[in-house]
Amino acid sequence: MAAPREGGTRSGDSDPRAQPETETEPQPQAQAGAPERLRELLQRVLGSRKNANSVFDILEGLEAEQEDEIVVAARTCGILFCTLLQRGDLFVGQLPEEKEGLSGDCSADVKYKIWMRHRYQSGIDQLLSLMAHESEQVQEVALCTLMRFVEAEGKWPLIRYEEDERYTFPWELLNSLVTSLLQVESDASLLLSRFQECLQYADVRYYVMVFAAEHIVQSSKREWLPIHQQNAFSLLSSLHMPSEQSQLTNFLVKQQKKHEAWKAARLKEHRRAFERLWLTFLRHKLSTNLYKKVLVILHESILPHMSKPALMIDFLTAAYEIGGAISLLALNGLFYLIHHHNLEYPDFYQKLYSLLEPSVLHVKYRARFFHLLDLFLSSSHLPAYLMAAFSKRLSRLALTAPPQALLMLIPFICNLIRRHPSCKLLVHRPGDTEDISTDPYIMDEKDPTKCRAMESSLWELQTLQNHYHPDVAKAAAVISKTLSSQETDLSTLFDLSVPELFEKEPKKRARLAPLEFEPPLGLLGRKSELVTQQWTLE
C-alpha cells in the first residue's frame, strides 16, 4: 500500500487512507470562502477515512498569508484532532517512523492511525511556530488550540501506561509549548498573560515550573538575551502558588489511581519546583530593571512559597550591598528573613544608616523604605547613640527635602525621640550655640557609632520653622514645645504627594485674613499719615 503524502496520488481503492480516483464527491470550489471550504474539508475527513488526504488541505491553511485564514485553519485543526483523539483514531504508543510504520505487516486500521498521528504531530509543529507569528490574534489562537490538545491528550492519552508506571499527563506537548512561550527573539508578554488562565490548573502549573527550570538551565549554555530574560520573568511572575494543600483541587487531568500520591497533587512538590525555578533564574546576571522587578515581588510572591527561603540569603545580601534603589527594595526580603527565619546580619544597621542619602526622599519607593525603616527602628532596646544617629541624619536630609517629604520626615524624627527619651537632649541641649559651624556631627561618616550625633543638636528642625510652606513650619514648631508621649500615625503620611498638598490647601479654613500689613488706627488713617486739619462749619 502506498502511504498518502502531500502532493502524492490519490489512487488505490483498497487503501482506506487514500481517496480513489473514482471519487464522485465534488471538490470544494476555489472561490469559496475559507470558513466554508475548511468546514467542508473537516466534514469529509471526519466522515470517511477515504478522504484522509484532505487533512493536508486543512494543514495548508496554517501557512496562509491572510491572518483570518490562519485563524480559521487553526480552529479547524483543533476540532479535527480533538475529535480523532476522542474516537481513538490516532496511534497510541511509541510512534514509529512514518515509512517504517506504513511498510510493516500491520493492519490497514493501524496504518491509518500511524499516518494520522504523524499529521497530528505536523499540525502541532506548525501551531508551535505560529506562536511566534507577527499577529497577536494568530499567536493567541495557536496557544488556545495547543492547550485544547493538552486537555484532550489528558483524557485520551497517546502513550500506553502500565499499571505501576508513571502518571498520565501529556508532558511532551506541554514541554514544547513552554519552550515556545519562552521565545528568544520576540516579546511574549501578551501571550504569557493569556497563558496565565491555564496556570489555574495545579498539574499544568507544576509541570510548567519543571519544564521552565529545565529550559532556563539549557539557556545558560548560550548567551541569554534581555528579551529572553523578560519572557522568563513574565512567566515566573504569573505563577500564583497556593498556600495550603487544600487549595490543590483544580486539575486539568484527574488521575484514576493514586491521585494523592501524584507529585502534581502535593503542595510540597509544588514548592520544591517553584524554589528550583526561581533559584535557577536568579543565578543569571539580570538587567538592573529586571533586578528591581524581582525585588519588588520577592517578599510577597516568592519567599513565602519556597520550601527553604533561607537559600535566598546570598541573593538578598548581595542586592543590599549594591546601594541605591536596589538596596531599598532588598529591605523587604531581608525583613522577611529576619522576622520569619531569624536571619542574622551583623552590619545591618550600619548599612541601613548609609542608605539615608538625599536621593531616598525622591525615589518612588520612598513610602516602602520609610515604612520598613520605622519597623526596624521601633524596638526600644536599640542603643541611644544609634537612634540619635538616625535622628540627626534625617534632620540633615530635611534641609533639602521637598514639602511632601518633610511633612512625613518631621513626625518620623519626633517619633524616634519619643521612643528614646535619652535622645531629647538633641532638642533641648543646655548652652547650645547658634553657630552651626561648630556642629560636631560628621555627615560623611558611614558608621553611626563614629558620627558624634549624641554631641550635636537638631538645629535643622528649628531652621524649618521658617519654611515657606506653612504646614512644614507648623510641623517643625512641635519641637519648641514639650513632646507628648503619643506617637504620630505615619501611615497616611508615607504616600503624601504634591497633588495631594494642592488638593488639601483649598479645603483649609483661614481664621484670620489680614488685608494690610499695618492696621489703621481709626478713621483718620495710620499714625504716620496724621496731619493737623482745621474744620469749619458753614
Protein backbone atom coordinates (compact mmCIF):
# COMPACT_ATOMS: atom_id res chain seq x y z
CA MET A 1 0.00 0.00 0.00
CA ALA A 2 1.28 3.45 -0.86
CA ALA A 3 1.30 5.89 2.02
CA PRO A 4 -0.61 9.10 1.40
CA ARG A 5 1.70 12.06 1.20
CA GLU A 6 1.43 15.71 0.48
CA GLY A 7 1.13 16.26 -3.24
CA GLY A 8 1.00 12.49 -3.91
CA THR A 9 -1.50 10.49 -5.91
CA ARG A 10 -4.91 9.63 -4.50
CA SER A 11 -5.28 6.20 -6.08
CA GLY A 12 -5.92 2.82 -4.50
CA ASP A 13 -9.47 1.85 -3.53
CA SER A 14 -8.14 -0.76 -1.14
CA ASP A 15 -6.28 1.88 0.85
CA PRO A 16 -8.68 3.31 3.47
CA ARG A 17 -6.40 6.33 3.90
CA ALA A 18 -6.38 7.49 0.28
CA GLN A 19 -9.05 9.00 -1.87
CA PRO A 20 -9.73 6.93 -5.02
CA GLU A 21 -9.66 8.47 -8.46
CA THR A 22 -13.27 7.45 -9.00
CA GLU A 23 -14.42 9.55 -6.08
CA THR A 24 -17.54 11.33 -7.26
CA GLU A 25 -17.78 13.71 -4.32
CA PRO A 26 -17.47 17.27 -5.68
CA GLN A 27 -14.27 19.14 -4.84
CA PRO A 28 -14.57 22.43 -2.95
CA GLN A 29 -14.63 25.44 -5.23
CA ALA A 30 -11.50 27.60 -5.26
CA GLN A 31 -13.53 30.75 -4.98
CA ALA A 32 -15.40 29.53 -1.90
CA GLY A 33 -14.71 31.39 1.34
CA ALA A 34 -12.10 29.97 3.68
CA PRO A 35 -14.51 29.13 6.56
CA GLU A 36 -16.94 27.27 4.30
CA ARG A 37 -14.14 25.43 2.48
CA LEU A 38 -12.44 24.31 5.67
CA ARG A 39 -15.75 23.28 7.20
CA GLU A 40 -16.42 21.10 4.18
CA LEU A 41 -12.94 19.58 4.37
CA LEU A 42 -13.42 18.88 8.07
CA GLN A 43 -16.69 17.06 7.41
CA ARG A 44 -15.04 14.99 4.67
CA VAL A 45 -12.11 13.89 6.83
CA LEU A 46 -14.31 13.02 9.81
CA GLY A 47 -16.97 11.47 7.58
CA SER A 48 -14.86 8.85 5.86
CA ARG A 49 -11.32 7.55 6.04
CA LYS A 50 -11.25 7.59 2.26
CA ASN A 51 -10.95 11.38 2.47
CA ALA A 52 -7.93 11.30 4.79
CA ASN A 53 -5.73 13.18 2.31
CA SER A 54 -7.93 16.26 2.77
CA VAL A 55 -6.15 16.83 6.05
CA PHE A 56 -3.27 18.23 4.01
CA ASP A 57 -5.54 20.99 2.72
CA ILE A 58 -6.53 21.85 6.29
CA LEU A 59 -2.93 21.96 7.46
CA GLU A 60 -2.03 24.05 4.43
CA GLY A 61 -4.29 26.77 5.80
CA LEU A 62 -1.86 27.20 8.71
CA GLU A 63 0.69 28.51 6.19
CA ALA A 64 -1.66 31.03 4.56
CA GLU A 65 -0.69 34.66 4.21
CA GLN A 66 -4.00 36.09 5.41
CA GLU A 67 -4.45 36.32 9.16
CA ASP A 68 -8.13 35.32 9.04
CA GLU A 69 -7.37 32.18 7.06
CA ILE A 70 -4.75 31.08 9.58
CA VAL A 71 -7.15 31.65 12.49
CA VAL A 72 -9.90 29.58 10.86
CA ALA A 73 -7.45 26.83 9.91
CA ALA A 74 -6.11 26.65 13.48
CA ARG A 75 -9.59 26.33 14.92
CA THR A 76 -10.46 23.69 12.35
CA CYS A 77 -7.36 21.71 13.32
CA GLY A 78 -8.43 21.92 16.94
CA ILE A 79 -11.84 20.42 16.18
CA LEU A 80 -10.39 17.79 13.84
CA PHE A 81 -7.69 16.31 16.03
CA CYS A 82 -9.64 16.57 19.29
CA THR A 83 -12.39 14.55 17.59
CA LEU A 84 -9.86 12.00 16.33
CA LEU A 85 -8.37 11.71 19.82
CA GLN A 86 -11.80 11.10 21.27
CA ARG A 87 -12.57 8.47 18.63
CA GLY A 88 -9.27 6.71 19.17
CA ASP A 89 -8.23 7.28 15.54
CA LEU A 90 -4.66 8.26 16.44
CA PHE A 91 -1.95 5.70 17.08
CA VAL A 92 -1.33 5.09 20.79
CA GLY A 93 2.19 4.23 21.93
CA GLN A 94 5.72 4.95 20.77
CA LEU A 95 5.17 6.43 17.33
CA PRO A 96 7.31 4.69 14.68
CA GLU A 97 8.79 6.44 11.67
CA GLU A 98 6.17 7.03 9.03
CA LYS A 99 7.78 4.94 6.27
CA GLU A 100 8.61 2.16 8.69
CA GLY A 101 5.14 2.06 10.16
CA LEU A 102 3.32 2.10 6.84
CA SER A 103 5.52 -0.54 5.23
CA GLY A 104 5.06 -3.05 8.05
CA ASP A 105 2.73 -6.03 8.25
CA CYS A 106 0.20 -4.29 10.48
CA SER A 107 -3.45 -3.88 9.52
CA ALA A 108 -4.89 -1.05 7.46
CA ASP A 109 -6.52 0.35 10.60
CA VAL A 110 -3.18 0.61 12.41
CA LYS A 111 -1.53 2.13 9.34
CA TYR A 112 -4.26 4.76 9.17
CA LYS A 113 -3.76 5.66 12.82
CA ILE A 114 0.03 5.88 12.41
CA TRP A 115 -0.35 8.09 9.36
CA MET A 116 -2.93 10.36 11.03
CA ARG A 117 -0.76 10.56 14.18
CA HIS A 118 2.06 11.95 12.02
CA ARG A 119 -0.36 14.52 10.57
CA TYR A 120 -1.32 15.43 14.13
CA GLN A 121 2.34 15.93 15.03
CA SER A 122 2.82 18.04 11.91
CA GLY A 123 -0.10 20.24 12.95
CA ILE A 124 1.40 20.66 16.43
CA ASP A 125 4.74 21.74 14.94
CA GLN A 126 3.03 24.31 12.73
CA LEU A 127 0.99 25.69 15.63
CA LEU A 128 4.12 25.98 17.75
CA SER A 129 5.77 28.02 15.01
CA LEU A 130 2.67 30.24 14.78
CA MET A 131 3.20 31.27 18.41
CA ALA A 132 5.98 33.49 17.05
CA HIS A 133 3.72 35.00 14.37
CA GLU A 134 3.58 38.77 13.99
CA SER A 135 -0.17 38.79 14.61
CA GLU A 136 -1.26 38.65 18.25
CA GLN A 137 -4.57 37.05 17.27
CA VAL A 138 -2.77 34.22 15.47
CA GLN A 139 -0.50 33.69 18.48
CA GLU A 140 -3.47 33.50 20.84
CA VAL A 141 -5.43 31.08 18.65
CA ALA A 142 -2.37 28.85 18.27
CA LEU A 143 -1.87 28.82 22.04
CA CYS A 144 -5.52 28.02 22.77
CA THR A 145 -5.55 25.24 20.18
CA LEU A 146 -2.44 23.63 21.64
CA MET A 147 -3.92 23.78 25.14
CA ARG A 148 -7.03 22.03 23.76
CA PHE A 149 -4.71 19.29 22.58
CA VAL A 150 -3.13 19.09 26.03
CA GLU A 151 -6.55 18.70 27.60
CA ALA A 152 -7.64 16.13 25.00
CA GLU A 153 -4.47 14.07 25.41
CA GLY A 154 -5.04 14.14 29.15
CA LYS A 155 -8.43 12.49 28.64
CA TRP A 156 -7.34 10.16 25.84
CA PRO A 157 -3.58 9.55 26.27
CA LEU A 158 -1.37 8.74 23.28
CA ILE A 159 1.12 6.82 25.44
CA ARG A 160 0.48 3.39 26.90
CA TYR A 161 0.88 3.29 30.65
CA GLU A 162 1.31 0.15 32.70
CA GLU A 163 -0.40 -0.38 36.00
CA ASP A 164 2.64 0.58 38.09
CA GLU A 165 4.07 3.12 35.64
CA ARG A 166 4.14 6.91 35.90
CA TYR A 167 1.01 9.02 35.93
CA THR A 168 -0.74 10.07 32.75
CA PHE A 169 -0.07 13.59 31.58
CA PRO A 170 0.80 14.98 28.11
CA TRP A 171 4.12 16.34 29.36
CA GLU A 172 5.88 16.21 25.97
CA LEU A 173 3.35 18.53 24.34
CA LEU A 174 3.33 20.90 27.31
CA ASN A 175 7.13 20.95 27.34
CA SER A 176 7.18 22.04 23.69
CA LEU A 177 4.57 24.66 24.48
CA VAL A 178 6.63 26.12 27.34
CA THR A 179 9.72 26.24 25.13
CA SER A 180 7.79 28.21 22.52
CA LEU A 181 6.44 30.59 25.14
CA LEU A 182 9.96 31.43 26.31
CA GLN A 183 10.82 32.83 22.91
CA VAL A 184 14.23 34.35 22.44
CA GLU A 185 13.65 36.86 19.65
CA SER A 186 10.28 38.45 20.44
CA ASP A 187 8.33 39.78 23.40
CA ALA A 188 5.79 37.18 24.53
CA SER A 189 4.32 39.15 27.47
CA LEU A 190 0.82 39.40 25.94
CA LEU A 191 0.83 35.72 25.06
CA LEU A 192 2.01 34.81 28.55
CA SER A 193 -0.76 36.88 30.09
CA ARG A 194 -3.24 34.79 28.07
CA PHE A 195 -1.47 31.60 29.16
CA GLN A 196 -1.92 32.65 32.78
CA GLU A 197 -5.50 31.37 32.61
CA CYS A 198 -4.15 27.86 32.08
CA LEU A 199 -1.96 28.10 35.17
CA GLN A 200 -5.03 27.90 37.39
CA TYR A 201 -4.79 24.12 36.94
CA ALA A 202 -2.47 22.68 39.56
CA ASP A 203 -0.99 19.98 37.31
CA VAL A 204 -0.35 22.41 34.45
CA ARG A 205 1.32 24.85 36.86
CA TYR A 206 3.52 22.13 38.34
CA TYR A 207 4.80 20.81 35.00
CA VAL A 208 5.27 24.33 33.64
CA MET A 209 7.57 25.07 36.58
CA VAL A 210 9.54 21.87 35.97
CA PHE A 211 9.92 22.46 32.22
CA ALA A 212 10.69 26.18 32.59
CA ALA A 213 13.52 25.40 35.01
CA GLU A 214 15.00 22.89 32.54
CA HIS A 215 14.70 25.42 29.73
CA ILE A 216 16.48 28.12 31.75
CA VAL A 217 19.28 25.67 32.60
CA GLN A 218 19.74 24.95 28.90
CA SER A 219 19.72 28.68 28.19
CA SER A 220 22.70 29.17 30.49
CA LYS A 221 24.85 27.35 27.95
CA ARG A 222 24.42 30.17 25.47
CA GLU A 223 24.03 33.94 25.58
CA TRP A 224 20.84 34.88 27.40
CA LEU A 225 19.33 37.84 25.59
CA PRO A 226 17.39 40.53 27.54
CA ILE A 227 14.16 39.71 25.70
CA HIS A 228 14.58 36.09 26.73
CA GLN A 229 15.06 37.16 30.34
CA GLN A 230 11.93 39.29 30.18
CA ASN A 231 9.85 36.42 28.80
CA ALA A 232 11.11 34.11 31.53
CA PHE A 233 10.29 36.68 34.22
CA SER A 234 6.80 37.25 32.78
CA LEU A 235 6.13 33.51 33.05
CA LEU A 236 7.60 33.19 36.54
CA SER A 237 5.77 36.22 37.92
CA SER A 238 2.43 34.85 36.66
CA LEU A 239 2.75 31.73 38.84
CA HIS A 240 0.38 32.17 41.77
CA MET A 241 1.17 29.49 44.31
CA PRO A 242 -1.38 28.03 46.74
CA SER A 243 -0.59 28.41 50.43
CA GLU A 244 -2.36 25.27 51.67
CA GLN A 245 -2.71 21.69 50.50
CA SER A 246 -6.50 22.00 50.50
CA GLN A 247 -6.27 24.57 47.69
CA LEU A 248 -4.94 21.97 45.22
CA THR A 249 -8.30 20.90 43.86
CA ASN A 250 -8.38 22.13 40.26
CA PHE A 251 -6.67 19.72 37.85
CA LEU A 252 -6.73 19.52 34.07
CA VAL A 253 -6.01 15.76 34.18
CA LYS A 254 -7.54 13.75 37.00
CA GLN A 255 -5.60 10.58 37.78
CA GLN A 256 -7.70 7.45 38.06
CA LYS A 257 -5.47 5.80 40.66
CA LYS A 258 -3.24 7.12 43.45
CA HIS A 259 -4.10 10.73 42.70
CA GLU A 260 -2.99 11.89 46.15
CA ALA A 261 0.48 10.40 45.65
CA TRP A 262 0.96 12.26 42.34
CA LYS A 263 3.65 14.93 42.59
CA ALA A 264 1.43 17.48 40.89
CA ALA A 265 -1.16 16.95 43.64
CA ARG A 266 1.23 17.61 46.55
CA LEU A 267 1.96 21.11 47.81
CA LYS A 268 5.40 20.09 49.00
CA GLU A 269 6.44 19.15 45.46
CA HIS A 270 4.97 22.39 44.11
CA ARG A 271 7.15 24.38 46.48
CA ARG A 272 10.24 22.42 45.53
CA ALA A 273 9.63 23.02 41.83
CA PHE A 274 8.86 26.68 42.49
CA GLU A 275 12.04 27.11 44.52
CA ARG A 276 14.24 25.39 41.94
CA LEU A 277 12.74 27.52 39.16
CA TRP A 278 13.44 30.84 40.88
CA LEU A 279 16.91 29.84 42.08
CA THR A 280 17.78 28.77 38.54
CA PHE A 281 16.51 32.06 37.15
CA LEU A 282 18.32 34.23 39.71
CA ARG A 283 21.67 32.57 39.04
CA HIS A 284 21.85 34.50 35.78
CA LYS A 285 23.09 38.05 35.54
CA LEU A 286 19.95 40.16 35.21
CA SER A 287 19.49 43.68 33.94
CA THR A 288 19.02 46.44 36.51
CA ASN A 289 15.38 46.94 35.54
CA LEU A 290 14.63 43.23 35.86
CA TYR A 291 16.58 43.09 39.11
CA LYS A 292 14.24 45.70 40.57
CA LYS A 293 11.13 43.88 39.35
CA VAL A 294 12.23 40.69 41.09
CA LEU A 295 12.91 42.51 44.37
CA VAL A 296 9.50 44.23 44.27
CA ILE A 297 7.61 40.91 44.36
CA LEU A 298 10.17 38.86 46.28
CA HIS A 299 8.80 39.29 49.81
CA GLU A 300 5.15 38.63 48.91
CA SER A 301 5.09 36.30 45.90
CA ILE A 302 8.32 34.29 46.16
CA LEU A 303 9.77 33.83 49.66
CA PRO A 304 6.53 32.68 51.40
CA HIS A 305 6.12 29.85 48.86
CA MET A 306 9.66 28.47 48.90
CA SER A 307 10.43 25.28 50.81
CA LYS A 308 13.72 26.77 52.05
CA PRO A 309 13.57 30.59 51.90
CA ALA A 310 16.96 30.82 53.61
CA LEU A 311 18.54 29.88 50.27
CA MET A 312 17.81 33.45 49.16
CA ILE A 313 20.08 34.98 51.81
CA ASP A 314 23.07 35.32 49.47
CA PHE A 315 20.96 36.91 46.74
CA LEU A 316 19.39 39.44 49.11
CA THR A 317 22.59 40.36 50.92
CA ALA A 318 24.33 40.89 47.58
CA ALA A 319 21.46 43.11 46.44
CA TYR A 320 21.57 45.00 49.75
CA GLU A 321 25.25 45.78 49.21
CA ILE A 322 24.70 47.27 45.75
CA GLY A 323 23.23 50.53 47.03
CA GLY A 324 20.66 52.92 45.66
CA ALA A 325 17.13 51.80 44.81
CA ILE A 326 18.15 48.14 44.65
CA SER A 327 19.22 48.21 48.29
CA LEU A 328 15.94 49.86 49.26
CA LEU A 329 13.97 47.12 47.52
CA ALA A 330 16.11 44.37 49.05
CA LEU A 331 14.99 45.54 52.51
CA ASN A 332 11.60 43.85 52.10
CA GLY A 333 13.14 40.45 51.53
CA LEU A 334 15.69 40.89 54.30
CA PHE A 335 12.98 41.94 56.73
CA TYR A 336 11.01 38.78 55.85
CA LEU A 337 14.02 36.55 56.53
CA ILE A 338 14.92 38.41 59.72
CA HIS A 339 11.37 38.30 61.04
CA HIS A 340 10.36 34.78 59.98
CA HIS A 341 13.65 32.87 59.71
CA ASN A 342 15.92 34.57 62.28
CA LEU A 343 18.43 35.86 59.74
CA GLU A 344 21.46 37.48 61.39
CA TYR A 345 23.03 40.41 59.54
CA PRO A 346 25.84 41.84 61.70
CA ASP A 347 26.23 45.20 59.92
CA PHE A 348 22.57 45.61 59.08
CA TYR A 349 22.01 48.96 60.85
CA GLN A 350 25.29 50.37 59.59
CA LYS A 351 24.22 49.59 56.01
CA LEU A 352 20.73 50.93 56.71
CA TYR A 353 22.27 54.16 58.03
CA SER A 354 24.37 54.53 54.88
CA LEU A 355 21.22 54.31 52.73
CA LEU A 356 19.98 57.62 54.11
CA GLU A 357 21.07 59.78 51.21
CA PRO A 358 19.25 62.82 49.72
CA SER A 359 18.01 60.67 46.82
CA VAL A 360 16.00 58.45 49.18
CA LEU A 361 13.47 61.29 49.57
CA HIS A 362 12.82 61.47 45.84
CA VAL A 363 12.59 57.84 44.67
CA LYS A 364 9.24 56.20 44.01
CA TYR A 365 10.00 53.56 46.65
CA ARG A 366 10.18 56.21 49.40
CA ALA A 367 6.98 55.13 51.16
CA ARG A 368 8.03 51.47 51.27
CA PHE A 369 11.50 52.33 52.53
CA PHE A 370 10.35 54.58 55.37
CA HIS A 371 7.69 52.08 56.38
CA LEU A 372 10.40 49.44 56.80
CA LEU A 373 12.77 51.94 58.43
CA ASP A 374 10.08 52.68 61.00
CA LEU A 375 9.74 48.94 61.70
CA PHE A 376 13.49 48.43 62.08
CA LEU A 377 13.75 51.38 64.48
CA SER A 378 10.65 50.52 66.50
CA SER A 379 12.46 48.45 69.13
CA SER A 380 13.06 50.21 72.44
CA HIS A 381 16.14 48.02 73.02
CA LEU A 382 18.23 49.75 70.38
CA PRO A 383 21.09 51.85 71.82
CA ALA A 384 20.56 55.57 72.23
CA TYR A 385 23.58 56.51 70.09
CA LEU A 386 22.06 54.60 67.15
CA MET A 387 18.71 56.37 67.44
CA ALA A 388 20.48 59.71 67.80
CA ALA A 389 22.49 58.99 64.64
CA PHE A 390 19.36 58.21 62.60
CA SER A 391 17.52 61.24 64.00
CA LYS A 392 20.39 63.58 63.22
CA ARG A 393 20.96 62.23 59.72
CA LEU A 394 17.27 62.51 58.88
CA SER A 395 17.25 66.07 60.22
CA ARG A 396 20.17 66.99 57.99
CA LEU A 397 18.40 65.45 54.97
CA ALA A 398 15.33 67.53 55.84
CA LEU A 399 17.16 70.73 54.88
CA THR A 400 16.94 69.82 51.18
CA ALA A 401 13.75 67.74 51.21
CA PRO A 402 10.55 68.70 49.35
CA PRO A 403 7.50 69.74 51.42
CA GLN A 404 5.60 66.47 50.93
CA ALA A 405 8.60 64.56 52.31
CA LEU A 406 9.08 66.98 55.19
CA LEU A 407 5.51 66.51 56.40
CA MET A 408 6.40 62.84 56.88
CA LEU A 409 10.02 63.28 57.94
CA ILE A 410 9.48 65.69 60.88
CA PRO A 411 6.88 63.47 62.66
CA PHE A 412 9.13 60.48 61.92
CA ILE A 413 12.04 62.12 63.79
CA CYS A 414 9.75 63.13 66.65
CA ASN A 415 8.58 59.52 67.00
CA LEU A 416 12.19 58.34 67.29
CA ILE A 417 12.79 60.81 70.10
CA ARG A 418 9.58 59.73 71.87
CA ARG A 419 10.73 56.10 71.83
CA HIS A 420 14.10 57.01 73.38
CA PRO A 421 13.74 59.81 75.95
CA SER A 422 17.52 59.98 76.28
CA CYS A 423 17.59 61.48 72.79
CA LYS A 424 15.59 64.52 73.95
CA LEU A 425 18.95 66.05 74.70
CA LEU A 426 19.26 66.69 70.94
CA VAL A 427 16.24 69.01 71.08
CA HIS A 428 16.86 70.80 74.36
CA ARG A 429 20.63 70.86 74.76
CA PRO A 430 21.72 73.31 77.51
CA GLY A 431 24.10 76.05 76.39
CA ASP A 432 23.59 75.23 72.72
CA THR A 433 25.20 77.81 70.46
CA GLU A 434 23.58 79.26 67.36
CA ASP A 435 26.79 78.91 65.36
CA ILE A 436 26.13 75.85 63.21
CA SER A 437 29.73 75.75 62.02
CA THR A 438 30.65 74.29 65.39
CA ASP A 439 28.28 71.32 64.95
CA PRO A 440 30.33 68.22 65.88
CA TYR A 441 28.18 65.88 63.76
CA ILE A 442 30.08 64.25 60.87
CA MET A 443 27.67 63.87 57.96
CA ASP A 444 30.10 61.93 55.72
CA GLU A 445 30.74 59.24 58.34
CA LYS A 446 29.09 55.94 57.31
CA ASP A 447 29.41 54.34 60.73
CA PRO A 448 26.67 55.58 63.13
CA THR A 449 28.93 54.84 66.10
CA LYS A 450 31.50 57.40 64.92
CA CYS A 451 29.32 60.25 63.62
CA ARG A 452 29.17 62.03 67.03
CA ALA A 453 25.40 62.56 66.80
CA MET A 454 24.97 62.48 70.59
CA GLU A 455 27.18 65.58 70.87
CA SER A 456 25.07 67.56 68.40
CA SER A 457 21.55 69.00 68.34
CA LEU A 458 18.61 69.07 65.93
CA TRP A 459 19.04 72.68 64.92
CA GLU A 460 17.84 71.72 61.44
CA LEU A 461 14.28 71.32 62.71
CA GLN A 462 14.40 74.75 64.30
CA THR A 463 15.51 76.14 60.95
CA LEU A 464 12.49 74.55 59.30
CA GLN A 465 10.22 76.66 61.50
CA ASN A 466 10.86 79.41 58.96
CA HIS A 467 9.98 77.21 55.97
CA TYR A 468 7.98 78.79 53.16
CA HIS A 469 5.27 76.14 53.39
CA PRO A 470 3.03 76.88 56.41
CA ASP A 471 2.31 73.21 57.12
CA VAL A 472 6.01 72.42 57.32
CA ALA A 473 6.67 75.39 59.61
CA LYS A 474 3.80 74.32 61.84
CA ALA A 475 5.08 70.72 62.00
CA ALA A 476 8.60 71.88 62.86
CA ALA A 477 7.26 74.10 65.66
CA VAL A 478 6.42 70.97 67.68
CA ILE A 479 10.00 70.66 68.93
CA SER A 480 9.75 74.05 70.64
CA LYS A 481 7.16 72.55 72.96
CA THR A 482 7.18 69.53 75.21
CA LEU A 483 6.76 66.40 73.11
CA SER A 484 3.78 64.27 74.04
CA SER A 485 4.19 60.55 74.67
CA GLN A 486 1.66 59.67 71.95
CA GLU A 487 3.38 58.79 68.68
CA THR A 488 2.14 60.26 65.41
CA ASP A 489 0.44 57.87 62.99
CA LEU A 490 2.64 57.90 59.89
CA SER A 491 0.56 55.56 57.73
CA THR A 492 -1.22 58.45 56.00
CA LEU A 493 1.98 60.45 55.53
CA PHE A 494 4.20 57.87 53.78
CA ASP A 495 2.44 58.27 50.42
CA LEU A 496 1.85 62.03 50.61
CA SER A 497 2.35 63.65 47.20
CA VAL A 498 2.41 67.13 45.70
CA PRO A 499 -1.07 66.83 44.09
CA GLU A 500 -2.49 65.89 47.49
CA LEU A 501 -0.96 69.02 49.01
CA PHE A 502 -2.63 71.14 46.34
CA GLU A 503 -5.98 69.43 46.88
CA LYS A 504 -5.68 69.88 50.62
CA GLU A 505 -4.88 73.60 50.54
CA PRO A 506 -8.24 74.99 49.24
CA LYS A 507 -10.11 72.99 51.87
CA LYS A 508 -8.47 74.83 54.76
CA ARG A 509 -10.43 77.46 56.68
CA ALA A 510 -8.50 80.62 57.46
CA ARG A 511 -9.33 82.16 60.83
CA LEU A 512 -7.58 85.49 60.15
CA ALA A 513 -7.45 87.16 56.79
CA PRO A 514 -5.35 90.37 57.11
CA LEU A 515 -5.87 92.88 54.34
CA GLU A 516 -2.88 95.10 55.22
CA PHE A 517 0.43 94.58 56.91
CA GLU A 518 -0.02 97.67 59.12
CA PRO A 519 -3.56 98.00 60.53
CA PRO A 520 -5.13 101.51 60.64
CA LEU A 521 -5.69 103.33 63.94
CA GLY A 522 -9.05 104.85 63.05
CA LEU A 523 -10.90 106.89 60.52
CA LEU A 524 -8.03 109.28 60.01
CA GLY A 525 -5.66 106.57 58.72
CA ARG A 526 -2.31 105.43 60.03
CA LYS A 527 -0.34 107.26 62.69
CA SER A 528 2.38 108.36 60.25
CA GLU A 529 -0.23 109.91 57.99
CA LEU A 530 -1.95 112.08 60.64
CA VAL A 531 -1.86 115.83 59.86
CA THR A 532 -3.29 118.87 61.61
CA GLN A 533 -6.55 119.86 59.99
CA GLN A 534 -9.00 122.65 60.75
CA TRP A 535 -12.65 122.09 60.31
CA THR A 536 -15.13 124.93 59.75
CA LEU A 537 -18.84 124.80 59.88
CA GLU A 538 -20.81 126.95 57.48
